[in-house]
Amino acid sequence: MFATPPTHHILRAVLHLNQRDNTYETVIGIHPRPQRSYQLTRYLRHARPPKPSPFTAEEPKCITTIQHPVEQHRVWCAHELPEFTAYLLGIGYTVDTDLTRTLRESGTTRDFLLSVRSAP
């Protein structure tokens, strides 16, 4: 039996080291990674978040960031969520307002931004 590709994706604010400028940014991360057939996949980039402390032995898990479609030298930042949401709506994604509200009200993830659903 084949697993169906995920259609719901969670957008989170994730700390990211910009190697080009050697600065830290809070960027938009997406999980789970959209499938290859979706329009967004050509802009997805894997990144390893910085260690929280030099004394931490545990390596952080890789995150999936989204490259800006026009300014391709950078990724979408969390403060650009309204523009990024408009971009997603333009390529056929929808905002899952019920799940977004539920996750925000639960308070379990402080870095949660939005829940989106990919086009069928």
PDB file of N, CA and C in Angstrom:
ATOM      1  N   MET A   1       0.840  -1.176   0.000  1.00  0.00           N
ATOM      2  CA  MET A   1       0.000   0.000   0.000  1.00  0.00           C
ATOM      3  C   MET A   1       0.889   1.245   0.000  1.00  0.00           C
ATOM      4  N   PHE A   2       0.540   2.213  -0.801  1.00  0.00           N
ATOM      5  CA  PHE A   2       1.325   3.435  -0.925  1.00  0.00           C
ATOM      6  C   PHE A   2       0.779   4.501   0.007  1.00  0.00           C
ATOM      7  N   ALA A   3       1.687   5.259   0.590  1.00  0.00           N
ATOM      8  CA  ALA A   3       1.273   6.373   1.440  1.00  0.00           C
ATOM      9  C   ALA A   3       0.894   7.549   0.553  1.00  0.00           C
ATOM     10  N   THR A   4      -0.171   8.223   0.930  1.00  0.00           N
ATOM     11  CA  THR A   4      -0.561   9.396   0.147  1.00  0.00           C
ATOM     12  C   THR A   4       0.317  10.576   0.552  1.00  0.00           C
ATOM     13  N   PRO A   5       0.667  11.436  -0.421  1.00  0.00           N
ATOM     14  CA  PRO A   5       1.495  12.594  -0.094  1.00  0.00           C
ATOM     15  C   PRO A   5       0.763  13.533   0.856  1.00  0.00           C
ATOM     16  N   PRO A   6       1.487  14.164   1.768  1.00  0.00           N
ATOM     17  CA  PRO A   6       0.824  15.078   2.696  1.00  0.00           C
ATOM     18  C   PRO A   6       0.284  16.299   1.959  1.00  0.00           C
ATOM     19  N   THR A   7      -0.882  16.739   2.389  1.00  0.00           N
ATOM     20  CA  THR A   7      -1.462  17.934   1.783  1.00  0.00           C
ATOM     21  C   THR A   7      -1.456  19.108   2.750  1.00  0.00           C
ATOM     22  N   HIS A   8      -1.305  18.849   4.048  1.00  0.00           N
ATOM     23  CA  HIS A   8      -1.229  19.919   5.045  1.00  0.00           C
ATOM     24  C   HIS A   8       0.238  20.169   5.386  1.00  0.00           C
ATOM     25  N   HIS A   9       0.579  21.438   5.486  1.00  0.00           N
ATOM     26  CA  HIS A   9       1.950  21.810   5.808  1.00  0.00           C
ATOM     27  C   HIS A   9       1.921  22.868   6.906  1.00  0.00           C
ATOM     28  N   ILE A  10       2.858  22.773   7.818  1.00  0.00           N
ATOM     29  CA  ILE A  10       2.961  23.718   8.917  1.00  0.00           C
ATOM     30  C   ILE A  10       4.114  24.671   8.615  1.00  0.00           C
ATOM     31  N   LEU A  11       3.845  25.968   8.729  1.00  0.00           N
ATOM     32  CA  LEU A  11       4.881  26.981   8.567  1.00  0.00           C
ATOM     33  C   LEU A  11       5.305  27.432   9.954  1.00  0.00           C
ATOM     34  N   ARG A  12       6.633  27.433  10.175  1.00  0.00           N
ATOM     35  CA  ARG A  12       7.174  27.802  11.483  1.00  0.00           C
ATOM     36  C   ARG A  12       8.245  28.866  11.321  1.00  0.00           C
ATOM     37  N   ALA A  13       8.452  29.655  12.352  1.00  0.00           N
ATOM     38  CA  ALA A  13       9.560  30.604  12.403  1.00  0.00           C
ATOM     39  C   ALA A  13      10.775  29.845  12.925  1.00  0.00           C
ATOM     40  N   VAL A  14      11.861  29.854  12.142  1.00  0.00           N
ATOM     41  CA  VAL A  14      13.047  29.057  12.473  1.00  0.00           C
ATOM     42  C   VAL A  14      14.289  29.944  12.400  1.00  0.00           C
ATOM     43  N   LEU A  15      15.157  29.820  13.384  1.00  0.00           N
ATOM     44  CA  LEU A  15      16.419  30.555  13.370  1.00  0.00           C
ATOM     45  C   LEU A  15      17.345  29.945  12.322  1.00  0.00           C
ATOM     46  N   HIS A  16      17.959  30.799  11.512  1.00  0.00           N
ATOM     47  CA  HIS A  16      18.777  30.343  10.388  1.00  0.00           C
ATOM     48  C   HIS A  16      20.003  31.246  10.275  1.00  0.00           C
ATOM     49  N   LEU A  17      21.172  30.642  10.053  1.00  0.00           N
ATOM     50  CA  LEU A  17      22.395  31.405   9.837  1.00  0.00           C
ATOM     51  C   LEU A  17      22.534  31.701   8.351  1.00  0.00           C
ATOM     52  N   ASN A  18      22.489  32.964   7.994  1.00  0.00           N
ATOM     53  CA  ASN A  18      22.681  33.388   6.615  1.00  0.00           C
ATOM     54  C   ASN A  18      24.178  33.351   6.339  1.00  0.00           C
ATOM     55  N   GLN A  19      24.617  32.349   5.582  1.00  0.00           N
ATOM     56  CA  GLN A  19      26.041  32.163   5.307  1.00  0.00           C
ATOM     57  C   GLN A  19      26.607  33.309   4.473  1.00  0.00           C
ATOM     58  N   ARG A  20      25.778  33.887   3.643  1.00  0.00           N
ATOM     59  CA  ARG A  20      26.241  34.953   2.751  1.00  0.00           C
ATOM     60  C   ARG A  20      26.625  36.209   3.535  1.00  0.00           C
ATOM     61  N   ASP A  21      25.770  36.607   4.485  1.00  0.00           N
ATOM     62  CA  ASP A  21      26.006  37.821   5.272  1.00  0.00           C
ATOM     63  C   ASP A  21      26.543  37.528   6.666  1.00  0.00           C
ATOM     64  N   ASN A  22      26.638  36.255   7.017  1.00  0.00           N
ATOM     65  CA  ASN A  22      27.085  35.816   8.338  1.00  0.00           C
ATOM     66  C   ASN A  22      26.242  36.463   9.451  1.00  0.00           C
ATOM     67  N   THR A  23      24.921  36.434   9.261  1.00  0.00           N
ATOM     68  CA  THR A  23      23.986  36.970  10.245  1.00  0.00           C
ATOM     69  C   THR A  23      22.893  35.935  10.503  1.00  0.00           C
ATOM     70  N   TYR A  24      22.281  36.031  11.671  1.00  0.00           N
ATOM     71  CA  TYR A  24      21.160  35.159  11.995  1.00  0.00           C
ATOM     72  C   TYR A  24      19.856  35.818  11.561  1.00  0.00           C
ATOM     73  N   GLU A  25      18.954  35.022  11.005  1.00  0.00           N
ATOM     74  CA  GLU A  25      17.648  35.493  10.570  1.00  0.00           C
ATOM     75  C   GLU A  25      16.587  34.517  11.070  1.00  0.00           C
ATOM     76  N   THR A  26      15.389  35.019  11.271  1.00  0.00           N
ATOM     77  CA  THR A  26      14.264  34.145  11.562  1.00  0.00           C
ATOM     78  C   THR A  26      13.517  33.964  10.244  1.00  0.00           C
ATOM     79  N   VAL A  27      13.573  32.742   9.723  1.00  0.00           N
ATOM     80  CA  VAL A  27      13.020  32.453   8.403  1.00  0.00           C
ATOM     81  C   VAL A  27      11.792  31.562   8.528  1.00  0.00           C
ATOM     82  N   ILE A  28      11.088  31.382   7.409  1.00  0.00           N
ATOM     83  CA  ILE A  28       9.928  30.501   7.371  1.00  0.00           C
ATOM     84  C   ILE A  28      10.397  29.103   7.008  1.00  0.00           C
ATOM     85  N   GLY A  29      10.078  28.150   7.865  1.00  0.00           N
ATOM     86  CA  GLY A  29      10.351  26.744   7.580  1.00  0.00           C
ATOM     87  C   GLY A  29       9.037  26.038   7.301  1.00  0.00           C
ATOM     88  N   ILE A  30       9.073  25.013   6.461  1.00  0.00           N
ATOM     89  CA  ILE A  30       7.854  24.273   6.105  1.00  0.00           C
ATOM     90  C   ILE A  30       8.061  22.796   6.405  1.00  0.00           C
ATOM     91  N   HIS A  31       7.014  22.173   6.993  1.00  0.00           N
ATOM     92  CA  HIS A  31       7.075  20.744   7.311  1.00  0.00           C
ATOM     93  C   HIS A  31       5.666  20.166   7.190  1.00  0.00           C
ATOM     94  N   PRO A  32       5.473  19.009   6.628  1.00  0.00           N
ATOM     95  CA  PRO A  32       6.460  18.223   5.895  1.00  0.00           C
ATOM     96  C   PRO A  32       6.766  18.853   4.537  1.00  0.00           C
ATOM     97  N   ARG A  33       7.849  18.425   3.964  1.00  0.00           N
ATOM     98  CA  ARG A  33       8.291  18.943   2.670  1.00  0.00           C
ATOM     99  C   ARG A  33       7.245  18.600   1.602  1.00  0.00           C
ATOM    100  N   PRO A  34       6.794  19.600   0.824  1.00  0.00           N
ATOM    101  CA  PRO A  34       5.841  19.310  -0.257  1.00  0.00           C
ATOM    102  C   PRO A  34       6.441  18.358  -1.292  1.00  0.00           C
ATOM    103  N   GLN A  35       5.596  17.592  -1.950  1.00  0.00           N
ATOM    104  CA  GLN A  35       6.036  16.620  -2.957  1.00  0.00           C
ATOM    105  C   GLN A  35       6.524  17.322  -4.218  1.00  0.00           C
ATOM    106  N   ARG A  36       7.272  16.597  -5.026  1.00  0.00           N
ATOM    107  CA  ARG A  36       7.883  17.154  -6.238  1.00  0.00           C
ATOM    108  C   ARG A  36       6.880  17.736  -7.234  1.00  0.00           C
ATOM    109  N   SER A  37       5.677  17.258  -7.241  1.00  0.00           N
ATOM    110  CA  SER A  37       4.708  17.721  -8.232  1.00  0.00           C
ATOM    111  C   SER A  37       4.160  19.115  -7.933  1.00  0.00           C
ATOM    112  N   TYR A  38       4.361  19.607  -6.750  1.00  0.00           N
ATOM    113  CA  TYR A  38       3.830  20.911  -6.390  1.00  0.00           C
ATOM    114  C   TYR A  38       4.755  22.027  -6.855  1.00  0.00           C
ATOM    115  N   GLN A  39       4.191  23.188  -7.177  1.00  0.00           N
ATOM    116  CA  GLN A  39       4.946  24.307  -7.726  1.00  0.00           C
ATOM    117  C   GLN A  39       6.000  24.869  -6.777  1.00  0.00           C
ATOM    118  N   LEU A  40       5.837  24.667  -5.504  1.00  0.00           N
ATOM    119  CA  LEU A  40       6.742  25.253  -4.516  1.00  0.00           C
ATOM    120  C   LEU A  40       8.078  24.511  -4.425  1.00  0.00           C
ATOM    121  N   THR A  41       8.131  23.273  -4.858  1.00  0.00           N
ATOM    122  CA  THR A  41       9.319  22.446  -4.609  1.00  0.00           C
ATOM    123  C   THR A  41      10.599  22.973  -5.231  1.00  0.00           C
ATOM    124  N   ARG A  42      10.523  23.701  -6.324  1.00  0.00           N
ATOM    125  CA  ARG A  42      11.759  24.202  -6.940  1.00  0.00           C
ATOM    126  C   ARG A  42      12.432  25.271  -6.081  1.00  0.00           C
ATOM    127  N   TYR A  43      11.707  25.818  -5.100  1.00  0.00           N
ATOM    128  CA  TYR A  43      12.263  26.849  -4.228  1.00  0.00           C
ATOM    129  C   TYR A  43      12.642  26.337  -2.835  1.00  0.00           C
ATOM    130  N   LEU A  44      12.499  25.048  -2.607  1.00  0.00           N
ATOM    131  CA  LEU A  44      12.797  24.499  -1.281  1.00  0.00           C
ATOM    132  C   LEU A  44      14.288  24.258  -1.124  1.00  0.00           C
ATOM    133  N   ARG A  45      14.811  24.587   0.054  1.00  0.00           N
ATOM    134  CA  ARG A  45      16.223  24.385   0.363  1.00  0.00           C
ATOM    135  C   ARG A  45      16.333  23.759   1.746  1.00  0.00           C
ATOM    136  N   HIS A  46      17.222  22.774   1.867  1.00  0.00           N
ATOM    137  CA  HIS A  46      17.502  22.184   3.184  1.00  0.00           C
ATOM    138  C   HIS A  46      18.553  23.032   3.880  1.00  0.00           C
ATOM    139  N   ALA A  47      18.373  23.229   5.162  1.00  0.00           N
ATOM    140  CA  ALA A  47      19.337  23.989   5.956  1.00  0.00           C
ATOM    141  C   ALA A  47      19.430  23.360   7.333  1.00  0.00           C
ATOM    142  N   ARG A  48      20.603  23.458   7.913  1.00  0.00           N
ATOM    143  CA  ARG A  48      20.794  22.983   9.282  1.00  0.00           C
ATOM    144  C   ARG A  48      20.783  24.205  10.192  1.00  0.00           C
ATOM    145  N   PRO A  49      19.849  24.240  11.150  1.00  0.00           N
ATOM    146  CA  PRO A  49      19.824  25.390  12.065  1.00  0.00           C
ATOM    147  C   PRO A  49      21.063  25.399  12.956  1.00  0.00           C
ATOM    148  N   PRO A  50      21.447  26.564  13.447  1.00  0.00           N
ATOM    149  CA  PRO A  50      22.614  26.636  14.320  1.00  0.00           C
ATOM    150  C   PRO A  50      22.363  25.919  15.641  1.00  0.00           C
ATOM    151  N   LYS A  51      23.437  25.422  16.244  1.00  0.00           N
ATOM    152  CA  LYS A  51      23.314  24.807  17.564  1.00  0.00           C
ATOM    153  C   LYS A  51      22.883  25.863  18.565  1.00  0.00           C
ATOM    154  N   PRO A  52      22.003  25.506  19.494  1.00  0.00           N
ATOM    155  CA  PRO A  52      21.567  26.491  20.488  1.00  0.00           C
ATOM    156  C   PRO A  52      22.695  26.935  21.416  1.00  0.00           C
ATOM    157  N   SER A  53      23.689  26.061  21.612  1.00  0.00           N
ATOM    158  CA  SER A  53      24.789  26.367  22.521  1.00  0.00           C
ATOM    159  C   SER A  53      25.982  25.501  22.152  1.00  0.00           C
ATOM    160  N   PRO A  54      27.204  26.002  22.348  1.00  0.00           N
ATOM    161  CA  PRO A  54      28.368  25.153  22.072  1.00  0.00           C
ATOM    162  C   PRO A  54      28.469  23.970  23.042  1.00  0.00           C
ATOM    163  N   PHE A  55      27.725  24.026  24.121  1.00  0.00           N
ATOM    164  CA  PHE A  55      27.744  22.956  25.114  1.00  0.00           C
ATOM    165  C   PHE A  55      26.694  21.890  24.844  1.00  0.00           C
ATOM    166  N   THR A  56      25.897  22.070  23.812  1.00  0.00           N
ATOM    167  CA  THR A  56      24.854  21.121  23.457  1.00  0.00           C
ATOM    168  C   THR A  56      25.438  20.067  22.525  1.00  0.00           C
ATOM    169  N   ALA A  57      25.292  18.814  22.893  1.00  0.00           N
ATOM    170  CA  ALA A  57      25.826  17.734  22.069  1.00  0.00           C
ATOM    171  C   ALA A  57      24.870  17.348  20.945  1.00  0.00           C
ATOM    172  N   GLU A  58      23.592  17.556  21.173  1.00  0.00           N
ATOM    173  CA  GLU A  58      22.597  17.152  20.189  1.00  0.00           C
ATOM    174  C   GLU A  58      22.594  18.095  18.985  1.00  0.00           C
ATOM    175  N   GLU A  59      22.670  17.508  17.797  1.00  0.00           N
ATOM    176  CA  GLU A  59      22.617  18.287  16.559  1.00  0.00           C
ATOM    177  C   GLU A  59      21.170  18.607  16.229  1.00  0.00           C
ATOM    178  N   PRO A  60      20.858  19.862  15.873  1.00  0.00           N
ATOM    179  CA  PRO A  60      19.488  20.162  15.469  1.00  0.00           C
ATOM    180  C   PRO A  60      19.157  19.487  14.146  1.00  0.00           C
ATOM    181  N   LYS A  61      17.886  19.154  13.948  1.00  0.00           N
ATOM    182  CA  LYS A  61      17.447  18.508  12.709  1.00  0.00           C
ATOM    183  C   LYS A  61      17.416  19.525  11.580  1.00  0.00           C
ATOM    184  N   CYS A  62      17.600  19.034  10.364  1.00  0.00           N
ATOM    185  CA  CYS A  62      17.533  19.907   9.201  1.00  0.00           C
ATOM    186  C   CYS A  62      16.139  20.499   9.064  1.00  0.00           C
ATOM    187  N   ILE A  63      16.089  21.685   8.513  1.00  0.00           N
ATOM    188  CA  ILE A  63      14.822  22.352   8.256  1.00  0.00           C
ATOM    189  C   ILE A  63      14.696  22.576   6.751  1.00  0.00           C
ATOM    190  N   THR A  64      13.487  22.765   6.292  1.00  0.00           N
ATOM    191  CA  THR A  64      13.257  23.091   4.896  1.00  0.00           C
ATOM    192  C   THR A  64      12.838  24.546   4.833  1.00  0.00           C
ATOM    193  N   THR A  65      13.656  25.360   4.183  1.00  0.00           N
ATOM    194  CA  THR A  65      13.357  26.775   4.005  1.00  0.00           C
ATOM    195  C   THR A  65      12.879  27.000   2.572  1.00  0.00           C
ATOM    196  N   ILE A  66      12.365  28.183   2.302  1.00  0.00           N
ATOM    197  CA  ILE A  66      11.810  28.482   0.981  1.00  0.00           C
ATOM    198  C   ILE A  66      12.555  29.664   0.386  1.00  0.00           C
ATOM    199  N   GLN A  67      13.194  29.427  -0.734  1.00  0.00           N
ATOM    200  CA  GLN A  67      13.925  30.466  -1.447  1.00  0.00           C
ATOM    201  C   GLN A  67      12.940  31.471  -2.036  1.00  0.00           C
ATOM    202  N   HIS A  68      13.303  32.742  -1.980  1.00  0.00           N
ATOM    203  CA  HIS A  68      12.462  33.791  -2.556  1.00  0.00           C
ATOM    204  C   HIS A  68      12.446  33.622  -4.078  1.00  0.00           C
ATOM    205  N   PRO A  69      11.274  33.665  -4.743  1.00  0.00           N
ATOM    206  CA  PRO A  69      11.222  33.401  -6.180  1.00  0.00           C
ATOM    207  C   PRO A  69      11.861  34.485  -7.056  1.00  0.00           C
ATOM    208  N   VAL A  70      11.959  35.707  -6.551  1.00  0.00           N
ATOM    209  CA  VAL A  70      12.555  36.786  -7.344  1.00  0.00           C
ATOM    210  C   VAL A  70      13.983  37.063  -6.886  1.00  0.00           C
ATOM    211  N   GLU A  71      14.163  37.239  -5.588  1.00  0.00           N
ATOM    212  CA  GLU A  71      15.498  37.478  -5.019  1.00  0.00           C
ATOM    213  C   GLU A  71      16.076  36.132  -4.592  1.00  0.00           C
ATOM    214  N   GLN A  72      16.609  35.402  -5.543  1.00  0.00           N
ATOM    215  CA  GLN A  72      16.972  34.006  -5.317  1.00  0.00           C
ATOM    216  C   GLN A  72      18.188  33.803  -4.433  1.00  0.00           C
ATOM    217  N   HIS A  73      18.842  34.858  -4.017  1.00  0.00           N
ATOM    218  CA  HIS A  73      19.987  34.736  -3.115  1.00  0.00           C
ATOM    219  C   HIS A  73      19.556  34.653  -1.648  1.00  0.00           C
ATOM    220  N   ARG A  74      18.249  34.723  -1.392  1.00  0.00           N
ATOM    221  CA  ARG A  74      17.779  34.707   0.003  1.00  0.00           C
ATOM    222  C   ARG A  74      16.538  33.846   0.149  1.00  0.00           C
ATOM    223  N   VAL A  75      16.195  33.567   1.406  1.00  0.00           N
ATOM    224  CA  VAL A  75      14.986  32.795   1.702  1.00  0.00           C
ATOM    225  C   VAL A  75      13.957  33.723   2.339  1.00  0.00           C
ATOM    226  N   TRP A  76      12.686  33.259   2.348  1.00  0.00           N
ATOM    227  CA  TRP A  76      11.613  34.047   2.955  1.00  0.00           C
ATOM    228  C   TRP A  76      11.839  34.150   4.459  1.00  0.00           C
ATOM    229  N   CYS A  77      11.733  35.345   4.995  1.00  0.00           N
ATOM    230  CA  CYS A  77      11.871  35.578   6.435  1.00  0.00           C
ATOM    231  C   CYS A  77      10.497  35.585   7.095  1.00  0.00           C
ATOM    232  N   ALA A  78      10.467  35.301   8.400  1.00  0.00           N
ATOM    233  CA  ALA A  78       9.194  35.215   9.129  1.00  0.00           C
ATOM    234  C   ALA A  78       8.427  36.529   9.109  1.00  0.00           C
ATOM    235  N   HIS A  79       9.123  37.665   9.102  1.00  0.00           N
ATOM    236  CA  HIS A  79       8.406  38.947   9.080  1.00  0.00           C
ATOM    237  C   HIS A  79       7.736  39.203   7.725  1.00  0.00           C
ATOM    238  N   GLU A  80       8.027  38.366   6.721  1.00  0.00           N
ATOM    239  CA  GLU A  80       7.401  38.489   5.404  1.00  0.00           C
ATOM    240  C   GLU A  80       6.218  37.534   5.239  1.00  0.00           C
ATOM    241  N   LEU A  81       5.682  37.038   6.333  1.00  0.00           N
ATOM    242  CA  LEU A  81       4.588  36.073   6.271  1.00  0.00           C
ATOM    243  C   LEU A  81       3.394  36.566   5.441  1.00  0.00           C
ATOM    244  N   PRO A  82       2.960  37.825   5.546  1.00  0.00           N
ATOM    245  CA  PRO A  82       1.832  38.260   4.701  1.00  0.00           C
ATOM    246  C   PRO A  82       2.139  38.143   3.205  1.00  0.00           C
ATOM    247  N   GLU A  83       3.328  38.554   2.786  1.00  0.00           N
ATOM    248  CA  GLU A  83       3.700  38.462   1.378  1.00  0.00           C
ATOM    249  C   GLU A  83       3.838  37.008   0.944  1.00  0.00           C
ATOM    250  N   PHE A  84       4.417  36.180   1.817  1.00  0.00           N
ATOM    251  CA  PHE A  84       4.585  34.768   1.490  1.00  0.00           C
ATOM    252  C   PHE A  84       3.228  34.076   1.387  1.00  0.00           C
ATOM    253  N   THR A  85       2.291  34.430   2.276  1.00  0.00           N
ATOM    254  CA  THR A  85       0.949  33.859   2.216  1.00  0.00           C
ATOM    255  C   THR A  85       0.269  34.232   0.900  1.00  0.00           C
ATOM    256  N   ALA A  86       0.410  35.480   0.476  1.00  0.00           N
ATOM    257  CA  ALA A  86      -0.155  35.904  -0.806  1.00  0.00           C
ATOM    258  C   ALA A  86       0.465  35.114  -1.957  1.00  0.00           C
ATOM    259  N   TYR A  87       1.767  34.872  -1.880  1.00  0.00           N
ATOM    260  CA  TYR A  87       2.445  34.074  -2.908  1.00  0.00           C
ATOM    261  C   TYR A  87       1.870  32.657  -2.942  1.00  0.00           C
ATOM    262  N   LEU A  88       1.715  32.031  -1.759  1.00  0.00           N
ATOM    263  CA  LEU A  88       1.160  30.675  -1.693  1.00  0.00           C
ATOM    264  C   LEU A  88      -0.252  30.619  -2.274  1.00  0.00           C
ATOM    265  N   LEU A  89      -1.077  31.596  -1.933  1.00  0.00           N
ATOM    266  CA  LEU A  89      -2.444  31.634  -2.463  1.00  0.00           C
ATOM    267  C   LEU A  89      -2.420  31.752  -3.983  1.00  0.00           C
ATOM    268  N   GLY A  90      -1.460  32.495  -4.514  1.00  0.00           N
ATOM    269  CA  GLY A  90      -1.334  32.672  -5.953  1.00  0.00           C
ATOM    270  C   GLY A  90      -0.943  31.417  -6.708  1.00  0.00           C
ATOM    271  N   ILE A  91      -0.293  30.470  -6.018  1.00  0.00           N
ATOM    272  CA  ILE A  91       0.098  29.219  -6.693  1.00  0.00           C
ATOM    273  C   ILE A  91      -0.808  28.053  -6.297  1.00  0.00           C
ATOM    274  N   GLY A  92      -1.951  28.372  -5.702  1.00  0.00           N
ATOM    275  CA  GLY A  92      -2.955  27.344  -5.466  1.00  0.00           C
ATOM    276  C   GLY A  92      -3.042  26.770  -4.072  1.00  0.00           C
ATOM    277  N   TYR A  93      -2.247  27.240  -3.130  1.00  0.00           N
ATOM    278  CA  TYR A  93      -2.351  26.781  -1.748  1.00  0.00           C
ATOM    279  C   TYR A  93      -3.524  27.489  -1.079  1.00  0.00           C
ATOM    280  N   THR A  94      -4.034  26.896  -0.018  1.00  0.00           N
ATOM    281  CA  THR A  94      -5.063  27.537   0.785  1.00  0.00           C
ATOM    282  C   THR A  94      -4.619  27.556   2.244  1.00  0.00           C
ATOM    283  N   VAL A  95      -5.107  28.517   2.985  1.00  0.00           N
ATOM    284  CA  VAL A  95      -4.804  28.604   4.410  1.00  0.00           C
ATOM    285  C   VAL A  95      -5.855  27.791   5.145  1.00  0.00           C
ATOM    286  N   ASP A  96      -5.419  26.880   5.985  1.00  0.00           N
ATOM    287  CA  ASP A  96      -6.338  26.080   6.795  1.00  0.00           C
ATOM    288  C   ASP A  96      -6.596  26.856   8.083  1.00  0.00           C
ATOM    289  N   THR A  97      -7.611  27.701   8.059  1.00  0.00           N
ATOM    290  CA  THR A  97      -7.873  28.589   9.193  1.00  0.00           C
ATOM    291  C   THR A  97      -8.269  27.832  10.459  1.00  0.00           C
ATOM    292  N   ASP A  98      -9.001  26.738  10.317  1.00  0.00           N
ATOM    293  CA  ASP A  98      -9.410  25.975  11.504  1.00  0.00           C
ATOM    294  C   ASP A  98      -8.203  25.363  12.217  1.00  0.00           C
ATOM    295  N   LEU A  99      -7.324  24.717  11.456  1.00  0.00           N
ATOM    296  CA  LEU A  99      -6.138  24.112  12.065  1.00  0.00           C
ATOM    297  C   LEU A  99      -5.198  25.186  12.600  1.00  0.00           C
ATOM    298  N   THR A 100      -5.053  26.285  11.870  1.00  0.00           N
ATOM    299  CA  THR A 100      -4.219  27.395  12.332  1.00  0.00           C
ATOM    300  C   THR A 100      -4.719  27.909  13.674  1.00  0.00           C
ATOM    301  N   ARG A 101      -6.014  28.138  13.788  1.00  0.00           N
ATOM    302  CA  ARG A 101      -6.604  28.636  15.034  1.00  0.00           C
ATOM    303  C   ARG A 101      -6.390  27.638  16.174  1.00  0.00           C
ATOM    304  N   THR A 102      -6.629  26.362  15.894  1.00  0.00           N
ATOM    305  CA  THR A 102      -6.469  25.331  16.919  1.00  0.00           C
ATOM    306  C   THR A 102      -5.032  25.281  17.433  1.00  0.00           C
ATOM    307  N   LEU A 103      -4.066  25.296  16.525  1.00  0.00           N
ATOM    308  CA  LEU A 103      -2.666  25.232  16.938  1.00  0.00           C
ATOM    309  C   LEU A 103      -2.238  26.481  17.699  1.00  0.00           C
ATOM    310  N   ARG A 104      -2.707  27.636  17.272  1.00  0.00           N
ATOM    311  CA  ARG A 104      -2.354  28.872  17.986  1.00  0.00           C
ATOM    312  C   ARG A 104      -2.959  28.896  19.379  1.00  0.00           C
ATOM    313  N   GLU A 105      -4.202  28.453  19.501  1.00  0.00           N
ATOM    314  CA  GLU A 105      -4.863  28.467  20.799  1.00  0.00           C
ATOM    315  C   GLU A 105      -4.284  27.432  21.758  1.00  0.00           C
ATOM    316  N   SER A 106      -3.718  26.348  21.212  1.00  0.00           N
ATOM    317  CA  SER A 106      -3.150  25.309  22.076  1.00  0.00           C
ATOM    318  C   SER A 106      -1.905  25.815  22.795  1.00  0.00           C
ATOM    319  N   GLY A 107      -1.188  26.740  22.171  1.00  0.00           N
ATOM    320  CA  GLY A 107      -0.002  27.297  22.801  1.00  0.00           C
ATOM    321  C   GLY A 107       1.163  26.338  22.913  1.00  0.00           C
ATOM    322  N   THR A 108       1.089  25.199  22.240  1.00  0.00           N
ATOM    323  CA  THR A 108       2.156  24.206  22.375  1.00  0.00           C
ATOM    324  C   THR A 108       3.402  24.555  21.568  1.00  0.00           C
ATOM    325  N   THR A 109       3.247  25.325  20.505  1.00  0.00           N
ATOM    326  CA  THR A 109       4.402  25.708  19.702  1.00  0.00           C
ATOM    327  C   THR A 109       4.433  27.220  19.556  1.00  0.00           C
ATOM    328  N   ARG A 110       5.402  27.835  20.171  1.00  0.00           N
ATOM    329  CA  ARG A 110       5.483  29.290  20.120  1.00  0.00           C
ATOM    330  C   ARG A 110       6.011  29.787  18.781  1.00  0.00           C
ATOM    331  N   ASP A 111       6.683  28.914  18.006  1.00  0.00           N
ATOM    332  CA  ASP A 111       7.237  29.322  16.726  1.00  0.00           C
ATOM    333  C   ASP A 111       6.290  29.038  15.553  1.00  0.00           C
ATOM    334  N   PHE A 112       5.072  28.584  15.852  1.00  0.00           N
ATOM    335  CA  PHE A 112       4.093  28.277  14.813  1.00  0.00           C
ATOM    336  C   PHE A 112       3.618  29.554  14.130  1.00  0.00           C
ATOM    337  N   LEU A 113       3.525  29.526  12.793  1.00  0.00           N
ATOM    338  CA  LEU A 113       3.045  30.679  12.041  1.00  0.00           C
ATOM    339  C   LEU A 113       1.688  30.432  11.395  1.00  0.00           C
ATOM    340  N   LEU A 114       1.573  29.320  10.620  1.00  0.00           N
ATOM    341  CA  LEU A 114       0.391  29.128   9.795  1.00  0.00           C
ATOM    342  C   LEU A 114       0.299  27.678   9.338  1.00  0.00           C
ATOM    343  N   SER A 115      -0.915  27.213   9.094  1.00  0.00           N
ATOM    344  CA  SER A 115      -1.134  25.900   8.474  1.00  0.00           C
ATOM    345  C   SER A 115      -1.693  26.130   7.083  1.00  0.00           C
ATOM    346  N   VAL A 116      -1.071  25.490   6.088  1.00  0.00           N
ATOM    347  CA  VAL A 116      -1.540  25.645   4.702  1.00  0.00           C
ATOM    348  C   VAL A 116      -1.817  24.273   4.101  1.00  0.00           C
ATOM    349  N   ARG A 117      -2.642  24.274   3.084  1.00  0.00           N
ATOM    350  CA  ARG A 117      -3.001  23.046   2.386  1.00  0.00           C
ATOM    351  C   ARG A 117      -2.596  23.218   0.925  1.00  0.00           C
ATOM    352  N   SER A 118      -1.882  22.220   0.397  1.00  0.00           N
ATOM    353  CA  SER A 118      -1.442  22.302  -1.000  1.00  0.00           C
ATOM    354  C   SER A 118      -2.587  21.981  -1.941  1.00  0.00           C
ATOM    355  N   ALA A 119      -2.424  22.428  -3.163  1.00  0.00           N
ATOM    356  CA  ALA A 119      -3.454  22.207  -4.182  1.00  0.00           C
ATOM    357  C   ALA A 119      -3.567  20.728  -4.495  1.00  0.00           C
ATOM    358  N   PRO A 120      -4.781  20.246  -4.767  1.00  0.00           N
ATOM    359  CA  PRO A 120      -4.951  18.814  -5.072  1.00  0.00           C
ATOM    360  C   PRO A 120      -4.309  18.451  -6.406  1.00  0.00           C
TER     361      PRO A 120
END
